[in-house]
Amino acid sequence: MQLQVARIGKPHGIRGEVTVQVLTDAPEDRFVPGTEFVVEPASAGPLTVHSARWNKDILLLAFEEIETRNEAETLRGAKLFIETEELDEDDDEGWYEHELVGLEARVGSQVVGKISGLNTMPVQDLLVVETPDGKEILIPFVEQIVPEVNVEEGYVLVTPPAGLFEINTEHEGSDEVSPSVDEEDQPGAAG
């Protein structure tokens, strides 16, 4: 089985470098010179890493097979994969997007949506949950908010802080702002 580790973005400079959206939590291990990737579409690959460097928060890759900006432009949107045999079987520390997409998001026993993606971010990852009415809710993928991932039974358990699912919805006819979770003052409390 193959695991997607990146998506190629736009060309950078004139020597064939490209920006990539990193989809792995170990870029320093995945993008070393000499690493060969399976590419989707197959016509764009395979690709072998020539060099990898960071420009602020953006990873730039150069491939042995790509020498010009025009060649790099043809890679835009291509997906980079590795063989999962390279992964440690006993690695219980994380989840990959392909394992999570399609799982039900549950609060208690109530289904509140389906996982439609995983945004990997520098500080913490975000689960993308699509609600039954088509809205997308971003949920911090941390143990306090997502205490259980059960791939076998097809769900993730979510314990959202108050207002997480309402944060992107507008309450018609109400100009009232909901208090944040951290506020100690409750409406009607004597002060």
Protein backbone atom coordinates (compact mmCIF):
# COMPACT_ATOMS: atom_id res chain seq x y z
CA MET A 1 0.00 0.00 0.00
CA GLN A 2 1.14 3.53 -0.73
CA LEU A 3 0.98 6.53 1.59
CA GLN A 4 0.72 10.11 0.33
CA VAL A 5 3.37 12.34 1.92
CA ALA A 6 3.08 15.54 -0.16
CA ARG A 7 1.25 17.44 -2.87
CA ILE A 8 3.30 19.52 -5.31
CA GLY A 9 2.47 23.21 -5.59
CA LYS A 10 3.86 25.91 -7.85
CA PRO A 11 7.38 26.17 -9.27
CA HIS A 12 9.95 28.20 -7.30
CA GLY A 13 12.74 29.96 -9.18
CA ILE A 14 14.12 28.93 -12.58
CA ARG A 15 16.02 25.74 -11.74
CA GLY A 16 13.06 23.36 -11.38
CA GLU A 17 12.37 23.63 -7.64
CA VAL A 18 8.76 23.26 -6.51
CA THR A 19 6.84 24.14 -3.37
CA VAL A 20 5.13 21.23 -1.64
CA GLN A 21 2.26 20.84 0.80
CA VAL A 22 3.72 18.48 3.41
CA LEU A 23 1.34 15.69 4.47
CA THR A 24 3.65 13.86 6.86
CA ASP A 25 4.69 14.59 10.42
CA ALA A 26 8.32 13.63 9.67
CA PRO A 27 9.44 15.74 6.68
CA GLU A 28 13.09 15.55 7.76
CA ASP A 29 12.91 11.75 7.28
CA ARG A 30 10.78 11.68 4.11
CA PHE A 31 12.44 14.30 1.88
CA VAL A 32 16.12 13.39 1.95
CA PRO A 33 18.24 13.41 -1.22
CA GLY A 34 18.01 10.08 -3.04
CA THR A 35 14.47 9.31 -1.87
CA GLU A 36 12.32 8.10 -4.76
CA PHE A 37 8.60 8.81 -4.81
CA VAL A 38 5.77 7.14 -6.65
CA VAL A 39 3.83 9.93 -8.35
CA GLU A 40 0.17 10.40 -9.21
CA PRO A 41 -0.35 10.89 -12.11
CA ALA A 42 2.09 8.11 -13.00
CA SER A 43 3.16 9.97 -16.16
CA ALA A 44 4.94 12.55 -13.92
CA GLY A 45 7.13 10.06 -12.11
CA PRO A 46 8.86 8.45 -10.48
CA LEU A 47 10.69 11.41 -8.94
CA THR A 48 13.95 11.31 -6.98
CA VAL A 49 14.76 14.05 -4.45
CA HIS A 50 17.88 16.01 -5.43
CA SER A 51 17.58 18.58 -2.63
CA ALA A 52 15.16 19.77 0.03
CA ARG A 53 15.23 23.09 1.85
CA TRP A 54 12.89 25.28 3.84
CA ASN A 55 12.03 28.83 2.78
CA LYS A 56 10.25 30.22 5.84
CA ASP A 57 7.42 27.69 6.41
CA ILE A 58 7.44 26.30 2.85
CA LEU A 59 9.35 23.18 1.83
CA LEU A 60 11.10 23.46 -1.54
CA LEU A 61 12.10 20.29 -3.38
CA ALA A 62 14.33 19.80 -6.40
CA PHE A 63 14.15 16.50 -8.28
CA GLU A 64 16.89 14.83 -10.29
CA GLU A 65 14.48 14.43 -13.22
CA ILE A 66 13.38 18.12 -13.31
CA GLU A 67 15.78 20.85 -14.45
CA THR A 68 13.69 23.83 -15.58
CA ARG A 69 10.79 25.93 -14.38
CA ASN A 70 8.70 24.74 -17.35
CA GLU A 71 9.25 21.10 -16.38
CA ALA A 72 8.41 21.95 -12.76
CA GLU A 73 5.14 23.59 -13.90
CA THR A 74 3.99 20.23 -15.31
CA LEU A 75 4.18 18.74 -11.78
CA ARG A 76 1.69 21.20 -10.22
CA GLY A 77 -0.96 19.24 -8.27
CA ALA A 78 0.90 15.92 -8.50
CA LYS A 79 0.85 13.73 -5.38
CA LEU A 80 3.95 12.10 -3.91
CA PHE A 81 3.69 8.64 -2.32
CA ILE A 82 5.98 6.26 -0.44
CA GLU A 83 5.55 2.54 0.08
CA THR A 84 4.07 1.89 3.54
CA GLU A 85 6.44 -1.05 4.09
CA GLU A 86 8.94 1.65 5.10
CA LEU A 87 6.78 2.52 8.11
CA ASP A 88 7.17 1.03 11.56
CA GLU A 89 4.33 -1.38 12.23
CA ASP A 90 4.34 -0.54 15.95
CA ASP A 91 3.99 3.22 15.41
CA ASP A 92 0.85 4.11 17.38
CA GLU A 93 1.71 7.80 17.65
CA GLY A 94 -0.30 9.15 14.74
CA TRP A 95 -2.90 8.72 12.05
CA TYR A 96 -2.65 9.26 8.33
CA GLU A 97 -5.29 11.11 6.34
CA HIS A 98 -6.29 8.03 4.33
CA GLU A 99 -7.07 6.21 7.61
CA LEU A 100 -9.35 9.01 8.86
CA VAL A 101 -11.29 10.19 5.79
CA GLY A 102 -14.81 8.73 5.77
CA LEU A 103 -14.96 7.98 9.50
CA GLU A 104 -18.00 9.25 11.42
CA ALA A 105 -17.42 12.10 13.85
CA ARG A 106 -19.40 11.37 17.02
CA VAL A 107 -20.14 13.42 20.12
CA GLY A 108 -21.19 10.74 22.59
CA SER A 109 -23.41 8.42 20.53
CA GLN A 110 -24.63 11.21 18.20
CA VAL A 111 -23.13 11.37 14.69
CA VAL A 112 -22.29 15.01 13.93
CA GLY A 113 -20.59 14.54 10.56
CA LYS A 114 -17.93 12.69 8.59
CA ILE A 115 -14.17 13.27 8.45
CA SER A 116 -13.41 14.74 5.02
CA GLY A 117 -9.74 15.60 5.52
CA LEU A 118 -6.76 16.23 7.76
CA ASN A 119 -4.92 19.55 7.65
CA THR A 120 -1.37 19.08 8.87
CA MET A 121 -0.16 22.28 10.51
CA PRO A 122 3.13 23.22 12.21
CA VAL A 123 1.61 23.47 15.71
CA GLN A 124 -1.25 20.96 15.61
CA ASP A 125 -3.24 19.09 13.00
CA LEU A 126 -6.89 19.87 12.26
CA LEU A 127 -9.57 17.33 11.41
CA VAL A 128 -11.95 18.57 8.72
CA VAL A 129 -15.49 17.43 9.58
CA GLU A 130 -18.30 17.82 7.06
CA THR A 131 -21.64 18.18 8.84
CA PRO A 132 -24.86 16.68 7.43
CA ASP A 133 -25.88 20.15 6.16
CA GLY A 134 -22.63 20.46 4.19
CA LYS A 135 -20.69 22.81 6.47
CA GLU A 136 -17.02 22.22 7.23
CA ILE A 137 -15.87 22.37 10.84
CA LEU A 138 -12.17 22.34 11.76
CA ILE A 139 -11.43 20.40 14.94
CA PRO A 140 -8.04 20.52 16.66
CA PHE A 141 -6.69 16.97 16.45
CA VAL A 142 -5.49 16.79 20.05
CA GLU A 143 -6.21 14.10 22.63
CA GLN A 144 -8.32 16.41 24.83
CA ILE A 145 -10.79 17.08 21.98
CA VAL A 146 -10.43 13.81 20.00
CA PRO A 147 -9.85 11.20 22.74
CA GLU A 148 -10.64 8.14 20.59
CA VAL A 149 -10.02 7.10 16.98
CA ASN A 150 -11.60 3.72 16.18
CA VAL A 151 -10.81 2.84 12.57
CA GLU A 152 -12.15 -0.71 12.92
CA GLU A 153 -15.62 0.51 13.94
CA GLY A 154 -15.49 3.56 11.65
CA TYR A 155 -15.63 6.56 13.98
CA VAL A 156 -13.74 9.21 15.93
CA LEU A 157 -15.06 10.37 19.28
CA VAL A 158 -15.06 14.14 19.70
CA THR A 159 -15.44 16.03 22.99
CA PRO A 160 -15.70 19.57 21.62
CA PRO A 161 -15.49 22.65 23.80
CA ALA A 162 -18.75 24.60 24.00
CA GLY A 163 -19.51 26.41 20.76
CA LEU A 164 -17.03 24.57 18.52
CA PHE A 165 -19.73 23.33 16.13
CA GLU A 166 -21.63 26.65 16.26
CA ILE A 167 -18.60 28.85 15.66
CA ASN A 168 -19.06 28.89 11.86
CA THR A 169 -22.84 29.14 11.86
CA GLU A 170 -24.83 32.34 12.00
CA HIS A 171 -27.76 32.64 14.36
CA GLU A 172 -30.41 34.53 12.42
CA GLY A 173 -32.19 37.28 14.30
CA SER A 174 -29.67 37.28 17.11
CA ASP A 175 -27.05 39.97 17.61
CA GLU A 176 -25.91 38.35 20.84
CA VAL A 177 -22.35 37.09 21.04
CA SER A 178 -21.90 33.82 22.86
CA PRO A 179 -19.43 33.97 25.74
CA SER A 180 -16.20 32.09 25.21
CA VAL A 181 -15.46 28.94 27.17
CA ASP A 182 -12.85 30.72 29.29
CA GLU A 183 -15.16 33.45 30.63
CA GLU A 184 -16.09 32.95 34.25
CA ASP A 185 -18.95 35.44 34.29
CA GLN A 186 -22.23 33.74 33.57
CA PRO A 187 -25.36 35.61 32.41
CA GLY A 188 -27.49 36.53 35.40
CA ALA A 189 -24.67 36.08 37.91
CA ALA A 190 -24.50 38.77 40.56
CA GLY A 191 -21.31 40.78 40.31
